[in-house]
Amino acid sequence: MPDQFPLEPTASLSVETVVSVRHWNEFLFSFTITRPPSFRFRSGEFVMIGLMGDNGRPLLRAYSMASPAYDEVLEFLSIKVPDGPLTSRLQKIKEGDHIYLGRKPTGTLVADALLPGRRLFLLGTGTGLAPWMSLIRDPDIYDRFEQIAVVHSVRGVSDLAYRDMLEGRLADDPLVGEMAAERLTYIPTVTREPFHTSKRIEGLMLDGTLFQGSLGEPKAFDPEHDRVMLCGSMTMIKEVAAMLEGFGFTEGANSHPGEYVIERAFVG
């Protein structure tokens, strides 16, 4: 079916082509689109993407890139909201369709917003996994940290997007496979279905589950050597940020790096 309003580039938006779509379950999907040669971003940043609205104006939302900064395509992870203005339509995209892409990526979930450290904890719920997939597939992050933990909290087992890749610690990745095998720890937790780990992220922090395997000692957060990024539900971010502040962590930003960062654009 032809678009009612064909997409046209603007000063702030390019028009890209959908390369692939993967539906993880009835609630979650990911997709890749073409990348303009001039599009540059830091792994962990977000950008505006969208479709044409019924009123003939672009309908846009902020999405974190799930692909690393060097990739030839741009990858995104999205929920499916039946009555969502954008996601109700975005979930129906298929290969060859067109989509709007903002020309100016930005964000604070980047290595530059953190002080140097030894361990990096990437704590996410739901689609908050997306920026972590960007970061852990970028060789630069392994130059900065000795150990990296990806913690992904979801409601159901099928919501664990990229699970096979993460459980294999990116073994098939030609750029970071060897480093990830030595330094990457994946900790999935499922809160509403039977699973080997079922506590929320806050609970995993308190009972020491986050500090398993190669992450070593100490079995607690240490603001001198540990760095933390948070992405996902507002409830998780606010509760975990408050816990980190209590441990002596300070929030960082691009202009003043700290021990932990959140994406203010998503939290408000």
Protein backbone atom coordinates (compact mmCIF):
# COMPACT_ATOMS: atom_id res chain seq x y z
CA MET A 1 0.00 0.00 0.00
CA PRO A 2 1.53 3.38 -0.96
CA ASP A 3 2.08 5.92 1.80
CA GLN A 4 -0.70 8.48 2.15
CA PHE A 5 2.03 11.05 2.75
CA PRO A 6 5.35 9.98 1.17
CA LEU A 7 8.35 10.61 3.42
CA GLU A 8 10.58 13.45 2.32
CA PRO A 9 13.92 14.49 3.88
CA THR A 10 14.00 17.68 5.94
CA ALA A 11 16.75 19.77 7.52
CA SER A 12 16.54 17.64 10.67
CA LEU A 13 15.41 14.28 9.27
CA SER A 14 16.71 11.87 6.65
CA VAL A 15 14.60 9.12 5.08
CA GLU A 16 16.04 5.62 5.51
CA THR A 17 15.09 2.13 4.35
CA VAL A 18 14.21 -0.77 6.65
CA VAL A 19 16.79 -3.52 6.12
CA SER A 20 15.47 -6.21 8.49
CA VAL A 21 12.84 -6.81 11.18
CA ARG A 22 12.82 -9.39 13.98
CA HIS A 23 9.81 -10.01 16.21
CA TRP A 24 10.99 -11.44 19.52
CA ASN A 25 7.45 -12.00 20.82
CA GLU A 26 4.06 -10.28 20.80
CA PHE A 27 5.42 -7.38 22.85
CA LEU A 28 8.91 -6.77 21.47
CA PHE A 29 10.67 -6.37 18.13
CA SER A 30 13.93 -5.05 16.70
CA PHE A 31 14.81 -3.71 13.29
CA THR A 32 17.69 -2.34 11.27
CA ILE A 33 17.71 0.54 8.82
CA THR A 34 20.18 2.01 6.36
CA ARG A 35 22.75 4.41 7.78
CA PRO A 36 23.57 7.70 6.03
CA PRO A 37 27.30 8.04 5.30
CA SER A 38 27.38 11.30 7.27
CA PHE A 39 25.63 9.88 10.38
CA ARG A 40 28.04 9.71 13.33
CA PHE A 41 27.26 8.72 16.90
CA ARG A 42 28.88 7.43 20.06
CA SER A 43 27.84 3.94 21.18
CA GLY A 44 25.05 4.35 23.74
CA GLU A 45 23.46 7.47 22.24
CA PHE A 46 19.86 7.88 21.06
CA VAL A 47 18.20 9.55 18.09
CA MET A 48 14.71 10.51 16.94
CA ILE A 49 13.06 8.04 14.56
CA GLY A 50 9.52 7.83 13.26
CA LEU A 51 6.92 7.69 10.54
CA MET A 52 4.57 10.14 8.88
CA GLY A 53 1.56 10.97 11.02
CA ASP A 54 -2.02 11.03 9.78
CA ASN A 55 -1.86 14.83 9.82
CA GLY A 56 0.98 14.87 7.29
CA ARG A 57 3.61 15.70 9.90
CA PRO A 58 6.43 13.43 11.15
CA LEU A 59 5.53 11.40 14.26
CA LEU A 60 8.80 10.91 16.15
CA ARG A 61 10.10 9.26 19.32
CA ALA A 62 13.55 8.91 20.89
CA TYR A 63 15.19 5.49 20.46
CA SER A 64 18.61 4.31 21.61
CA MET A 65 20.79 2.75 18.95
CA ALA A 66 21.33 -0.96 19.66
CA SER A 67 24.09 -1.14 17.07
CA PRO A 68 27.67 -0.06 17.82
CA ALA A 69 29.06 3.18 16.45
CA TYR A 70 31.03 1.47 13.67
CA ASP A 71 28.17 -0.64 12.22
CA GLU A 72 27.03 -0.14 8.64
CA VAL A 73 23.35 -0.27 9.62
CA LEU A 74 21.43 1.22 12.55
CA GLU A 75 19.60 -1.16 14.87
CA PHE A 76 16.75 -0.39 17.28
CA LEU A 77 14.76 -2.32 19.89
CA SER A 78 11.12 -1.40 20.47
CA ILE A 79 8.06 -2.44 22.41
CA LYS A 80 4.72 -2.98 20.71
CA VAL A 81 1.94 -0.78 22.08
CA PRO A 82 -1.43 -1.58 20.42
CA ASP A 83 -2.76 1.97 20.82
CA GLY A 84 0.59 3.79 20.80
CA PRO A 85 0.62 6.68 18.31
CA LEU A 86 3.94 5.53 16.81
CA THR A 87 4.57 1.96 17.98
CA SER A 88 1.15 0.72 16.84
CA ARG A 89 2.35 1.47 13.30
CA LEU A 90 6.09 0.96 13.73
CA GLN A 91 5.58 -2.69 14.72
CA LYS A 92 4.11 -3.34 11.26
CA ILE A 93 7.15 -2.17 9.29
CA LYS A 94 8.77 -4.62 6.91
CA GLU A 95 11.89 -4.82 4.80
CA GLY A 96 11.94 -2.10 2.17
CA ASP A 97 9.69 0.34 4.04
CA HIS A 98 10.85 3.88 4.71
CA ILE A 99 11.39 5.54 8.08
CA TYR A 100 12.49 8.91 9.40
CA LEU A 101 15.88 9.22 11.10
CA GLY A 102 16.99 12.30 13.02
CA ARG A 103 20.27 13.82 11.92
CA LYS A 104 21.56 14.64 15.44
CA PRO A 105 22.13 11.73 17.88
CA THR A 106 22.84 12.62 21.49
CA GLY A 107 22.76 11.19 25.01
CA THR A 108 24.59 10.55 28.26
CA LEU A 109 24.74 6.74 28.24
CA VAL A 110 28.23 6.93 26.80
CA ALA A 111 31.67 6.06 28.14
CA ASP A 112 32.74 9.71 28.01
CA ALA A 113 30.22 10.58 30.74
CA LEU A 114 31.90 8.19 33.20
CA LEU A 115 35.13 8.55 35.12
CA PRO A 116 37.74 5.83 34.47
CA GLY A 117 37.09 2.62 36.43
CA ARG A 118 37.62 -1.14 36.59
CA ARG A 119 34.10 -2.61 36.50
CA LEU A 120 31.16 -1.35 34.43
CA PHE A 121 27.61 -2.35 35.34
CA LEU A 122 24.97 -1.84 32.65
CA LEU A 123 21.60 -2.12 34.43
CA GLY A 124 18.50 -2.16 32.24
CA THR A 125 14.84 -3.15 32.16
CA GLY A 126 12.87 -4.01 29.02
CA THR A 127 14.05 -2.09 25.97
CA GLY A 128 16.60 -0.38 28.21
CA LEU A 129 18.88 -3.16 26.96
CA ALA A 130 19.32 -1.35 23.62
CA PRO A 131 22.17 1.02 24.53
CA TRP A 132 24.00 -1.84 26.26
CA MET A 133 23.94 -3.83 23.00
CA SER A 134 25.57 -0.84 21.34
CA LEU A 135 28.23 -0.43 24.01
CA ILE A 136 29.27 -4.07 24.44
CA ARG A 137 29.76 -4.53 20.69
CA ASP A 138 32.15 -1.57 20.57
CA PRO A 139 35.84 -2.42 21.17
CA ASP A 140 36.36 0.95 22.87
CA ILE A 141 34.43 -0.09 25.98
CA TYR A 142 36.81 -3.02 26.58
CA ASP A 143 39.75 -0.64 26.46
CA ARG A 144 38.16 1.34 29.29
CA PHE A 145 37.00 -1.41 31.67
CA GLU A 146 38.41 -4.72 32.89
CA GLN A 147 34.99 -6.28 33.57
CA ILE A 148 31.53 -5.48 32.17
CA ALA A 149 28.19 -6.79 33.44
CA VAL A 150 24.96 -6.58 31.45
CA VAL A 151 21.97 -6.93 33.77
CA HIS A 152 18.61 -7.26 32.00
CA SER A 153 15.36 -7.38 33.97
CA VAL A 154 12.13 -8.34 32.17
CA ARG A 155 8.68 -9.71 33.00
CA GLY A 156 8.69 -12.85 30.83
CA VAL A 157 11.39 -15.19 29.53
CA SER A 158 10.59 -14.38 25.90
CA ASP A 159 11.28 -10.70 26.66
CA LEU A 160 14.99 -11.50 26.98
CA ALA A 161 15.92 -10.09 23.59
CA TYR A 162 19.39 -11.02 22.29
CA ARG A 163 19.61 -13.73 24.97
CA ASP A 164 21.47 -16.26 22.82
CA MET A 165 24.03 -13.69 21.77
CA LEU A 166 24.53 -12.51 25.34
CA GLU A 167 24.73 -16.00 26.84
CA GLY A 168 27.39 -16.77 24.22
CA ARG A 169 29.17 -13.56 25.26
CA LEU A 170 29.26 -12.34 21.66
CA ALA A 171 31.36 -15.33 20.63
CA ASP A 172 30.61 -14.79 16.92
CA ASP A 173 31.50 -11.10 16.95
CA PRO A 174 34.73 -10.68 14.97
CA LEU A 175 35.72 -7.45 16.71
CA VAL A 176 34.93 -8.04 20.40
CA GLY A 177 34.36 -11.80 20.68
CA GLU A 178 37.66 -12.59 22.39
CA MET A 179 37.48 -9.64 24.77
CA ALA A 180 33.83 -10.31 25.64
CA ALA A 181 34.61 -13.96 26.37
CA GLU A 182 37.04 -12.83 29.06
CA ARG A 183 35.36 -9.71 30.41
CA LEU A 184 31.60 -9.80 29.78
CA THR A 185 29.08 -11.15 32.31
CA TYR A 186 25.38 -11.49 31.41
CA ILE A 187 22.83 -11.53 34.24
CA PRO A 188 19.22 -11.91 33.07
CA THR A 189 16.36 -11.82 35.56
CA VAL A 190 12.67 -12.58 34.95
CA THR A 191 10.17 -11.23 37.47
CA ARG A 192 6.83 -12.75 36.43
CA GLU A 193 7.69 -16.24 35.20
CA PRO A 194 9.74 -19.12 36.64
CA PHE A 195 13.44 -18.47 35.97
CA HIS A 196 16.75 -19.13 37.70
CA THR A 197 16.98 -15.47 38.67
CA SER A 198 13.74 -13.69 39.52
CA LYS A 199 14.50 -10.66 41.67
CA ARG A 200 14.32 -7.09 40.43
CA ILE A 201 17.60 -5.25 39.90
CA GLU A 202 17.37 -3.61 43.32
CA GLY A 203 17.16 -7.05 44.93
CA LEU A 204 20.11 -8.37 42.94
CA MET A 205 22.15 -5.43 44.18
CA LEU A 206 21.31 -6.14 47.78
CA ASP A 207 21.81 -9.93 47.77
CA GLY A 208 25.09 -9.83 45.85
CA THR A 209 23.87 -11.62 42.71
CA LEU A 210 25.28 -8.82 40.56
CA PHE A 211 28.80 -9.64 41.70
CA GLN A 212 29.00 -13.20 40.45
CA GLY A 213 31.56 -15.05 38.37
CA SER A 214 34.41 -13.11 36.83
CA LEU A 215 33.27 -9.83 38.36
CA GLY A 216 35.20 -10.83 41.47
CA GLU A 217 35.57 -8.70 44.57
CA PRO A 218 34.23 -6.67 46.21
CA LYS A 219 30.71 -8.17 46.40
CA ALA A 220 29.30 -4.67 46.67
CA PHE A 221 29.42 -1.42 44.75
CA ASP A 222 32.60 0.59 45.18
CA PRO A 223 32.48 4.19 43.89
CA GLU A 224 36.25 4.27 43.56
CA HIS A 225 36.42 1.53 40.94
CA ASP A 226 32.85 0.74 39.79
CA ARG A 227 30.85 2.61 37.17
CA VAL A 228 27.13 2.19 36.49
CA MET A 229 24.75 3.05 33.67
CA LEU A 230 20.95 2.88 34.09
CA CYS A 231 18.26 2.62 31.40
CA GLY A 232 14.67 1.42 31.49
CA SER A 233 11.68 2.01 33.73
CA MET A 234 11.54 5.26 35.68
CA THR A 235 10.84 3.34 38.88
CA MET A 236 14.00 1.27 38.55
CA ILE A 237 16.14 4.24 37.60
CA LYS A 238 14.97 6.38 40.51
CA GLU A 239 15.29 3.59 43.08
CA VAL A 240 18.70 2.39 41.90
CA ALA A 241 20.03 5.94 41.51
CA ALA A 242 19.02 6.66 45.10
CA MET A 243 20.80 3.49 46.25
CA LEU A 244 23.95 4.45 44.33
CA GLU A 245 23.91 7.94 45.83
CA GLY A 246 23.72 6.28 49.22
CA PHE A 247 26.82 4.26 48.35
CA GLY A 248 28.70 7.48 47.54
CA PHE A 249 28.26 7.57 43.77
CA THR A 250 27.77 10.87 41.93
CA GLU A 251 25.84 11.27 38.68
CA GLY A 252 27.88 12.08 35.61
CA ALA A 253 27.20 13.86 32.33
CA ASN A 254 29.09 14.70 29.16
CA SER A 255 30.26 17.97 30.70
CA HIS A 256 31.27 16.47 34.06
CA PRO A 257 31.90 12.70 34.18
CA GLY A 258 30.83 10.81 37.30
CA GLU A 259 30.49 7.33 38.77
CA TYR A 260 27.05 6.62 37.30
CA VAL A 261 24.82 7.96 34.51
CA ILE A 262 21.18 7.88 33.46
CA GLU A 263 19.51 9.19 30.32
CA ARG A 264 17.77 12.37 31.48
CA ALA A 265 15.95 12.72 28.17
CA PHE A 266 14.00 9.53 28.94
CA VAL A 267 13.50 10.10 32.67
CA GLY A 268 12.41 13.74 32.63
